[in-house]
Every structure is written in C-alpha cells, then in structure tokens.
Amino acid sequence: PALRRRNVFAYIDTRDLGQMTQRCLETDGLGFEVFNVANADMSVAATTDEVIERFYGGVEVRKEMGRDETFYSIDKARRMLGYEPEHSWRDVLDDPRA
C-alpha cells in the first residue's frame, strides 16, 4: 500500500474517466466546474480502516466510510452529473485478502 500513498490510494479506470467526460460534455449549462474523479474503491487490497490506521492515525475522520471507499470525494460528480464508476480492479484481479 505504501507505493500508492502518493495518490491517496485512488485510481481511475479509463472507461469511468470516459464516462465522466461524456457526462460533462452532455450537461447543458455546466459552465466551469472542478470535479474529483476517481473510482469508488481504493487502489489497494487493504480496507479503508486499515489504511487509515496505518497511514493516517490521528487524522479526524469526518464521515462513516465503506470498507473499500476511496478518500477522494466523488459526491459532487455523482450529484451534478449522475457519475457512478462502473469498473473496479477487483473485477479482474483476485483480491489478495481472500
């Protein structure tokens, strides 16, 4: 997991990035907006709680997080554009925790 710390354990599947780009282009009146775009899950096999404990001990946790939830907030993209990542590395690679 330490190798993925530099990008806050987030990643984006190119197909989901394409979905996000298409949603932006098809949204009338969007204007200039900034979005965090990431997949909904973390890029590592460790759980969100395990990553928090190992790398961010003492950092305030402001909301309940899912087992593998990304630290990037994609809520704005979900709310404004209906963005929902559809692809995960877990769909094609074995989870080493299993």
N, C-alpha and C. Protein backbone atom coordinates (compact mmCIF):
# COMPACT_ATOMS: atom_id res chain seq x y z
N PRO A 1 0.80 -1.23 0.00
CA PRO A 1 0.00 0.00 0.00
C PRO A 1 0.83 1.28 0.00
N ALA A 2 2.01 1.28 0.60
CA ALA A 2 2.81 2.50 0.72
C ALA A 2 3.13 3.11 -0.64
N LEU A 3 3.28 2.29 -1.67
CA LEU A 3 3.57 2.81 -3.02
C LEU A 3 2.41 3.64 -3.57
N ARG A 4 1.21 3.39 -3.13
CA ARG A 4 0.03 4.08 -3.64
C ARG A 4 -0.34 5.31 -2.79
N ARG A 5 0.44 5.57 -1.75
CA ARG A 5 0.13 6.69 -0.86
C ARG A 5 0.20 8.03 -1.59
N ARG A 6 1.12 8.16 -2.55
CA ARG A 6 1.32 9.45 -3.23
C ARG A 6 0.07 9.93 -3.96
N ASN A 7 -0.82 9.02 -4.35
CA ASN A 7 -2.07 9.45 -4.97
C ASN A 7 -3.27 9.08 -4.08
N VAL A 8 -3.05 9.14 -2.79
CA VAL A 8 -4.08 8.96 -1.77
C VAL A 8 -4.86 7.66 -1.99
N PHE A 9 -4.18 6.65 -2.52
CA PHE A 9 -4.77 5.33 -2.70
C PHE A 9 -5.94 5.33 -3.67
N ALA A 10 -6.00 6.33 -4.53
CA ALA A 10 -7.09 6.43 -5.51
C ALA A 10 -6.58 6.03 -6.89
N TYR A 11 -7.51 5.73 -7.77
CA TYR A 11 -7.20 5.42 -9.17
C TYR A 11 -8.44 5.72 -9.99
N ILE A 12 -8.27 5.74 -11.30
CA ILE A 12 -9.42 5.91 -12.19
C ILE A 12 -9.27 4.95 -13.37
N ASP A 13 -10.28 4.18 -13.60
CA ASP A 13 -10.34 3.31 -14.78
C ASP A 13 -10.64 4.21 -15.98
N THR A 14 -9.95 4.02 -17.07
CA THR A 14 -10.13 4.91 -18.23
C THR A 14 -11.57 4.91 -18.73
N ARG A 15 -12.26 3.79 -18.59
CA ARG A 15 -13.65 3.75 -19.04
C ARG A 15 -14.53 4.64 -18.16
N ASP A 16 -14.25 4.67 -16.88
CA ASP A 16 -15.01 5.55 -15.98
C ASP A 16 -14.63 7.01 -16.19
N LEU A 17 -13.38 7.28 -16.51
CA LEU A 17 -12.98 8.65 -16.85
C LEU A 17 -13.69 9.09 -18.13
N GLY A 18 -13.80 8.18 -19.09
CA GLY A 18 -14.55 8.48 -20.32
C GLY A 18 -16.01 8.77 -20.03
N GLN A 19 -16.60 7.99 -19.12
CA GLN A 19 -18.00 8.22 -18.72
C GLN A 19 -18.14 9.62 -18.12
N MET A 20 -17.20 10.00 -17.26
CA MET A 20 -17.25 11.32 -16.62
C MET A 20 -17.12 12.43 -17.65
N THR A 21 -16.21 12.28 -18.58
CA THR A 21 -16.01 13.27 -19.63
C THR A 21 -17.28 13.41 -20.48
N GLN A 22 -17.87 12.28 -20.85
CA GLN A 22 -19.09 12.31 -21.64
C GLN A 22 -20.23 13.01 -20.89
N ARG A 23 -20.36 12.72 -19.62
CA ARG A 23 -21.41 13.36 -18.81
C ARG A 23 -21.21 14.87 -18.74
N CYS A 24 -19.96 15.31 -18.64
CA CYS A 24 -19.67 16.76 -18.63
C CYS A 24 -20.07 17.39 -19.96
N LEU A 25 -19.70 16.74 -21.06
CA LEU A 25 -19.99 17.29 -22.39
C LEU A 25 -21.48 17.32 -22.68
N GLU A 26 -22.24 16.40 -22.12
CA GLU A 26 -23.67 16.31 -22.40
C GLU A 26 -24.53 17.11 -21.42
N THR A 27 -23.92 17.75 -20.44
CA THR A 27 -24.68 18.50 -19.45
C THR A 27 -24.77 19.96 -19.85
N ASP A 28 -25.96 20.40 -20.28
CA ASP A 28 -26.16 21.79 -20.68
C ASP A 28 -26.00 22.72 -19.48
N GLY A 29 -25.35 23.85 -19.73
CA GLY A 29 -25.22 24.89 -18.72
C GLY A 29 -24.25 24.55 -17.60
N LEU A 30 -23.42 23.57 -17.78
CA LEU A 30 -22.50 23.17 -16.72
C LEU A 30 -21.49 24.28 -16.42
N GLY A 31 -21.05 24.96 -17.46
CA GLY A 31 -20.06 26.03 -17.24
C GLY A 31 -18.75 25.46 -16.74
N PHE A 32 -18.07 26.25 -15.92
CA PHE A 32 -16.78 25.83 -15.37
C PHE A 32 -16.99 25.21 -13.99
N GLU A 33 -16.64 23.95 -13.86
CA GLU A 33 -16.73 23.23 -12.60
C GLU A 33 -15.47 22.39 -12.42
N VAL A 34 -15.09 22.16 -11.21
CA VAL A 34 -13.96 21.29 -10.88
C VAL A 34 -14.51 20.07 -10.17
N PHE A 35 -14.11 18.90 -10.63
CA PHE A 35 -14.58 17.65 -10.04
C PHE A 35 -13.39 16.78 -9.65
N ASN A 36 -13.51 16.09 -8.53
CA ASN A 36 -12.61 14.98 -8.22
C ASN A 36 -13.17 13.78 -8.97
N VAL A 37 -12.32 13.10 -9.69
CA VAL A 37 -12.78 11.92 -10.41
C VAL A 37 -11.89 10.75 -10.02
N ALA A 38 -12.51 9.75 -9.48
CA ALA A 38 -11.81 8.54 -9.08
C ALA A 38 -12.81 7.40 -9.11
N ASN A 39 -12.30 6.21 -9.03
CA ASN A 39 -13.19 5.09 -8.85
C ASN A 39 -13.67 5.10 -7.40
N ALA A 40 -14.74 4.41 -7.14
CA ALA A 40 -15.36 4.46 -5.82
C ALA A 40 -14.57 3.69 -4.76
N ASP A 41 -13.69 2.80 -5.20
CA ASP A 41 -12.93 1.98 -4.25
C ASP A 41 -11.45 2.36 -4.24
N MET A 42 -10.76 1.92 -3.22
CA MET A 42 -9.34 2.20 -3.07
C MET A 42 -8.53 1.35 -4.05
N SER A 43 -7.32 1.80 -4.33
CA SER A 43 -6.46 1.11 -5.28
C SER A 43 -5.64 0.00 -4.64
N VAL A 44 -5.85 -0.27 -3.37
CA VAL A 44 -5.08 -1.28 -2.66
C VAL A 44 -6.02 -2.30 -2.03
N ALA A 45 -5.48 -3.46 -1.71
CA ALA A 45 -6.29 -4.53 -1.13
C ALA A 45 -6.62 -4.28 0.34
N ALA A 46 -5.88 -3.42 1.01
CA ALA A 46 -6.18 -3.11 2.41
C ALA A 46 -7.53 -2.39 2.48
N THR A 47 -8.24 -2.58 3.57
CA THR A 47 -9.52 -1.90 3.75
C THR A 47 -9.27 -0.43 4.06
N THR A 48 -10.31 0.37 3.91
CA THR A 48 -10.21 1.79 4.24
C THR A 48 -9.77 1.97 5.69
N ASP A 49 -10.36 1.20 6.60
CA ASP A 49 -9.97 1.30 8.01
C ASP A 49 -8.50 0.94 8.23
N GLU A 50 -8.02 -0.08 7.53
CA GLU A 50 -6.61 -0.47 7.66
C GLU A 50 -5.68 0.63 7.16
N VAL A 51 -6.04 1.26 6.05
CA VAL A 51 -5.22 2.36 5.51
C VAL A 51 -5.23 3.55 6.46
N ILE A 52 -6.39 3.88 7.00
CA ILE A 52 -6.47 4.98 7.96
C ILE A 52 -5.58 4.70 9.16
N GLU A 53 -5.68 3.50 9.70
CA GLU A 53 -4.90 3.15 10.88
C GLU A 53 -3.40 3.19 10.59
N ARG A 54 -2.98 2.68 9.44
CA ARG A 54 -1.54 2.59 9.11
C ARG A 54 -0.93 3.92 8.70
N PHE A 55 -1.66 4.73 7.93
CA PHE A 55 -1.06 5.92 7.34
C PHE A 55 -1.61 7.24 7.88
N TYR A 56 -2.77 7.23 8.49
CA TYR A 56 -3.41 8.48 8.88
C TYR A 56 -3.89 8.47 10.34
N GLY A 57 -3.19 7.73 11.19
CA GLY A 57 -3.54 7.70 12.60
C GLY A 57 -3.56 9.12 13.17
N GLY A 58 -4.59 9.42 13.91
CA GLY A 58 -4.71 10.75 14.49
C GLY A 58 -5.41 11.77 13.62
N VAL A 59 -5.66 11.44 12.35
CA VAL A 59 -6.38 12.35 11.45
C VAL A 59 -7.88 12.17 11.69
N GLU A 60 -8.57 13.29 11.82
CA GLU A 60 -10.01 13.25 12.08
C GLU A 60 -10.76 12.60 10.91
N VAL A 61 -11.61 11.65 11.22
CA VAL A 61 -12.48 11.03 10.22
C VAL A 61 -13.83 11.71 10.35
N ARG A 62 -14.28 12.35 9.27
CA ARG A 62 -15.48 13.18 9.34
C ARG A 62 -16.76 12.50 8.89
N LYS A 63 -16.65 11.31 8.33
CA LYS A 63 -17.86 10.60 7.92
C LYS A 63 -17.59 9.11 7.95
N GLU A 64 -18.66 8.36 8.07
CA GLU A 64 -18.57 6.91 8.00
C GLU A 64 -18.15 6.54 6.59
N MET A 65 -17.21 5.62 6.47
CA MET A 65 -16.72 5.22 5.15
C MET A 65 -16.93 3.74 4.94
N GLY A 66 -17.15 3.39 3.67
CA GLY A 66 -17.33 1.99 3.30
C GLY A 66 -16.03 1.22 3.43
N ARG A 67 -16.11 -0.08 3.37
CA ARG A 67 -14.98 -0.99 3.56
C ARG A 67 -13.80 -0.66 2.65
N ASP A 68 -14.07 -0.35 1.39
CA ASP A 68 -13.01 -0.08 0.40
C ASP A 68 -13.16 1.31 -0.22
N GLU A 69 -13.85 2.21 0.44
CA GLU A 69 -14.20 3.50 -0.15
C GLU A 69 -12.97 4.40 -0.35
N THR A 70 -12.94 5.05 -1.51
CA THR A 70 -11.86 5.98 -1.82
C THR A 70 -11.90 7.19 -0.90
N PHE A 71 -10.73 7.80 -0.67
CA PHE A 71 -10.66 9.03 0.12
C PHE A 71 -11.05 10.24 -0.71
N TYR A 72 -11.01 10.12 -2.03
CA TYR A 72 -11.44 11.21 -2.91
C TYR A 72 -12.96 11.30 -2.84
N SER A 73 -13.48 12.46 -2.61
CA SER A 73 -14.93 12.62 -2.61
C SER A 73 -15.40 12.80 -4.06
N ILE A 74 -16.19 11.85 -4.51
CA ILE A 74 -16.77 11.95 -5.85
C ILE A 74 -18.25 12.31 -5.76
N ASP A 75 -18.66 12.79 -4.58
CA ASP A 75 -20.06 13.13 -4.35
C ASP A 75 -20.57 14.23 -5.27
N LYS A 76 -19.77 15.24 -5.55
CA LYS A 76 -20.21 16.33 -6.43
C LYS A 76 -20.50 15.81 -7.83
N ALA A 77 -19.63 14.97 -8.35
CA ALA A 77 -19.84 14.39 -9.68
C ALA A 77 -21.08 13.49 -9.69
N ARG A 78 -21.28 12.77 -8.62
CA ARG A 78 -22.48 11.94 -8.52
C ARG A 78 -23.74 12.81 -8.52
N ARG A 79 -23.71 13.86 -7.71
CA ARG A 79 -24.87 14.73 -7.54
C ARG A 79 -25.18 15.54 -8.80
N MET A 80 -24.17 16.15 -9.39
CA MET A 80 -24.41 17.05 -10.52
C MET A 80 -24.52 16.35 -11.86
N LEU A 81 -23.85 15.21 -12.00
CA LEU A 81 -23.78 14.57 -13.31
C LEU A 81 -24.31 13.14 -13.34
N GLY A 82 -24.63 12.60 -12.19
CA GLY A 82 -25.04 11.20 -12.16
C GLY A 82 -23.89 10.24 -12.38
N TYR A 83 -22.67 10.72 -12.16
CA TYR A 83 -21.48 9.88 -12.33
C TYR A 83 -21.49 8.74 -11.31
N GLU A 84 -21.26 7.55 -11.79
CA GLU A 84 -21.12 6.40 -10.91
C GLU A 84 -20.12 5.44 -11.54
N PRO A 85 -18.95 5.28 -10.95
CA PRO A 85 -17.96 4.37 -11.50
C PRO A 85 -18.53 2.96 -11.68
N GLU A 86 -18.19 2.35 -12.80
CA GLU A 86 -18.73 1.03 -13.12
C GLU A 86 -17.69 -0.07 -13.11
N HIS A 87 -16.41 0.31 -13.08
CA HIS A 87 -15.34 -0.68 -13.22
C HIS A 87 -14.41 -0.63 -12.02
N SER A 88 -13.95 -1.79 -11.59
CA SER A 88 -13.04 -1.88 -10.46
C SER A 88 -11.95 -2.88 -10.77
N TRP A 89 -10.77 -2.61 -10.24
CA TRP A 89 -9.69 -3.58 -10.41
C TRP A 89 -10.08 -4.92 -9.79
N ARG A 90 -10.96 -4.89 -8.82
CA ARG A 90 -11.40 -6.12 -8.16
C ARG A 90 -12.21 -7.02 -9.10
N ASP A 91 -12.71 -6.46 -10.20
CA ASP A 91 -13.47 -7.24 -11.17
C ASP A 91 -12.56 -8.12 -12.03
N VAL A 92 -11.28 -7.79 -12.10
CA VAL A 92 -10.38 -8.53 -12.99
C VAL A 92 -9.18 -9.15 -12.28
N LEU A 93 -8.90 -8.70 -11.08
CA LEU A 93 -7.78 -9.27 -10.32
C LEU A 93 -8.31 -9.89 -9.03
N ASP A 94 -7.65 -10.95 -8.61
CA ASP A 94 -8.01 -11.58 -7.35
C ASP A 94 -7.63 -10.66 -6.20
N ASP A 95 -8.51 -10.56 -5.21
CA ASP A 95 -8.22 -9.80 -4.02
C ASP A 95 -7.28 -10.64 -3.16
N PRO A 96 -6.07 -10.16 -2.90
CA PRO A 96 -5.12 -10.97 -2.14
C PRO A 96 -5.54 -11.25 -0.70
N ARG A 97 -6.57 -10.54 -0.24
CA ARG A 97 -7.05 -10.77 1.13
C ARG A 97 -7.93 -12.01 1.21
N ALA A 98 -8.43 -12.47 0.06
CA ALA A 98 -9.38 -13.60 0.06
C ALA A 98 -8.67 -14.92 0.26
